[in-house]
Amino acid sequence: MDKTWNNKAWFMVLPVLVLVAFNAIIPLMTVVNYSVQETFGNNLFFFEGVKWFQEVLNSPRFHASLLRQFAFTGLILLIEVPLGVAVALAMPRSGPWVAVCLVLMSLPLLIPWNVV
């Protein structure tokens, strides 16, 4: 029995895709526009081009902060990955303690981020 493929339902998704694209592209265009222009208020804009990007990318402070960020990220990964694997291997696979461990592991997710 051959199945008839009807893709007309995708037209129901089209308005949502248009709205999401509109809400994503317009702010992105604004950010790109402001990233290459200087404003002193009163809607007076002066084109700066890529001068700011060149200043940042050639700055020794930027290179030092990027190096610190990579070192921090590497250190955190060296701690978190073995710790996560150890906790996962130590968790019980069956029995009454499975539910207790799962609740205790997911309990921090209930705390709002602004409380911490």
Protein backbone atom coordinates (compact mmCIF):
# COMPACT_ATOMS: atom_id res chain seq x y z
CA MET A 1 0.00 0.00 0.00
CA ASP A 2 1.46 3.31 -1.06
CA LYS A 3 1.25 6.16 1.39
CA THR A 4 0.28 9.55 0.07
CA TRP A 5 2.61 12.24 1.36
CA ASN A 6 0.80 15.44 2.21
CA ASN A 7 3.07 18.25 3.36
CA LYS A 8 0.40 20.95 3.54
CA ALA A 9 0.64 20.94 7.34
CA TRP A 10 3.98 22.74 7.08
CA PHE A 11 2.07 25.83 5.94
CA MET A 12 0.64 26.01 9.47
CA VAL A 13 4.18 26.45 10.78
CA LEU A 14 5.02 29.19 8.28
CA PRO A 15 3.55 32.12 10.29
CA VAL A 16 5.57 31.11 13.34
CA LEU A 17 8.75 30.84 11.28
CA VAL A 18 8.13 34.29 9.81
CA LEU A 19 7.59 35.80 13.27
CA VAL A 20 10.66 34.15 14.72
CA ALA A 21 12.78 35.21 11.75
CA PHE A 22 11.50 38.78 12.05
CA ASN A 23 12.16 38.87 15.80
CA ALA A 24 15.67 37.50 15.30
CA ILE A 25 16.85 39.33 12.18
CA ILE A 26 15.78 42.88 13.09
CA PRO A 27 17.65 42.96 16.45
CA LEU A 28 20.67 41.33 14.79
CA MET A 29 20.70 44.03 12.11
CA THR A 30 20.52 46.69 14.83
CA VAL A 31 23.44 45.19 16.72
CA VAL A 32 25.57 44.99 13.57
CA ASN A 33 24.63 48.58 12.71
CA TYR A 34 25.59 49.89 16.16
CA SER A 35 28.82 47.89 16.20
CA VAL A 36 30.29 49.95 13.36
CA GLN A 37 28.93 53.38 14.31
CA GLU A 38 29.73 55.87 17.06
CA THR A 39 26.91 57.94 18.53
CA PHE A 40 27.14 60.99 20.72
CA GLY A 41 23.41 61.34 21.28
CA ASN A 42 20.78 63.34 19.38
CA ASN A 43 20.83 60.62 16.72
CA LEU A 44 24.20 61.75 15.35
CA PHE A 45 26.04 58.71 14.08
CA PHE A 46 29.61 58.57 12.79
CA PHE A 47 30.81 55.56 10.84
CA GLU A 48 33.75 53.87 12.56
CA GLY A 49 34.01 50.71 10.47
CA VAL A 50 36.12 47.91 11.86
CA LYS A 51 38.46 50.19 13.84
CA TRP A 52 37.06 49.06 17.20
CA PHE A 53 37.37 45.41 16.24
CA GLN A 54 41.00 45.95 15.22
CA GLU A 55 41.72 47.70 18.53
CA VAL A 56 40.24 44.87 20.55
CA LEU A 57 41.85 42.07 18.56
CA ASN A 58 45.29 43.72 18.77
CA SER A 59 45.01 44.56 22.47
CA PRO A 60 47.37 42.71 24.84
CA ARG A 61 44.71 42.99 27.56
CA PHE A 62 42.28 41.09 25.33
CA HIS A 63 44.85 38.37 24.64
CA ALA A 64 45.63 38.05 28.36
CA SER A 65 41.95 37.84 29.29
CA LEU A 66 41.34 35.26 26.57
CA LEU A 67 44.25 33.18 27.86
CA ARG A 68 42.89 33.42 31.42
CA GLN A 69 39.45 32.35 30.20
CA PHE A 70 40.88 29.30 28.41
CA ALA A 71 42.93 28.37 31.48
CA PHE A 72 39.89 28.73 33.74
CA THR A 73 37.72 26.68 31.39
CA GLY A 74 40.34 23.95 31.14
CA LEU A 75 40.75 23.80 34.91
CA ILE A 76 37.00 23.58 35.46
CA LEU A 77 36.71 20.80 32.87
CA LEU A 78 39.57 18.89 34.49
CA ILE A 79 37.63 18.99 37.77
CA GLU A 80 34.05 18.54 36.55
CA VAL A 81 34.38 15.73 34.01
CA PRO A 82 36.09 13.16 36.29
CA LEU A 83 33.85 14.20 39.17
CA GLY A 84 30.71 13.75 37.03
CA VAL A 85 31.86 10.35 35.78
CA ALA A 86 32.69 9.25 39.34
CA VAL A 87 29.27 10.33 40.61
CA ALA A 88 27.52 8.61 37.69
CA LEU A 89 29.40 5.37 38.31
CA ALA A 90 28.73 5.52 42.05
CA MET A 91 24.96 5.92 41.65
CA PRO A 92 22.90 2.77 42.23
CA ARG A 93 21.40 1.18 39.14
CA SER A 94 18.44 -0.49 40.85
CA GLY A 95 16.72 -0.59 44.18
CA PRO A 96 15.08 1.99 46.42
CA TRP A 97 18.11 4.32 46.44
CA VAL A 98 17.76 5.12 42.73
CA ALA A 99 14.84 7.49 43.33
CA VAL A 100 16.59 9.10 46.30
CA CYS A 101 19.75 9.72 44.29
CA LEU A 102 17.83 11.12 41.33
CA VAL A 103 15.89 13.52 43.58
CA LEU A 104 19.07 14.63 45.34
CA MET A 105 20.82 15.16 42.00
CA SER A 106 17.94 17.22 40.56
CA LEU A 107 17.25 19.22 43.74
CA PRO A 108 19.69 22.06 42.85
CA LEU A 109 17.75 22.61 39.63
CA LEU A 110 14.76 23.76 41.70
CA ILE A 111 16.69 26.65 43.24
CA PRO A 112 16.25 29.81 41.17
CA TRP A 113 19.44 31.17 39.61
CA ASN A 114 19.05 34.59 41.24
CA VAL A 115 19.10 33.08 44.75
CA VAL A 116 22.54 31.61 44.27
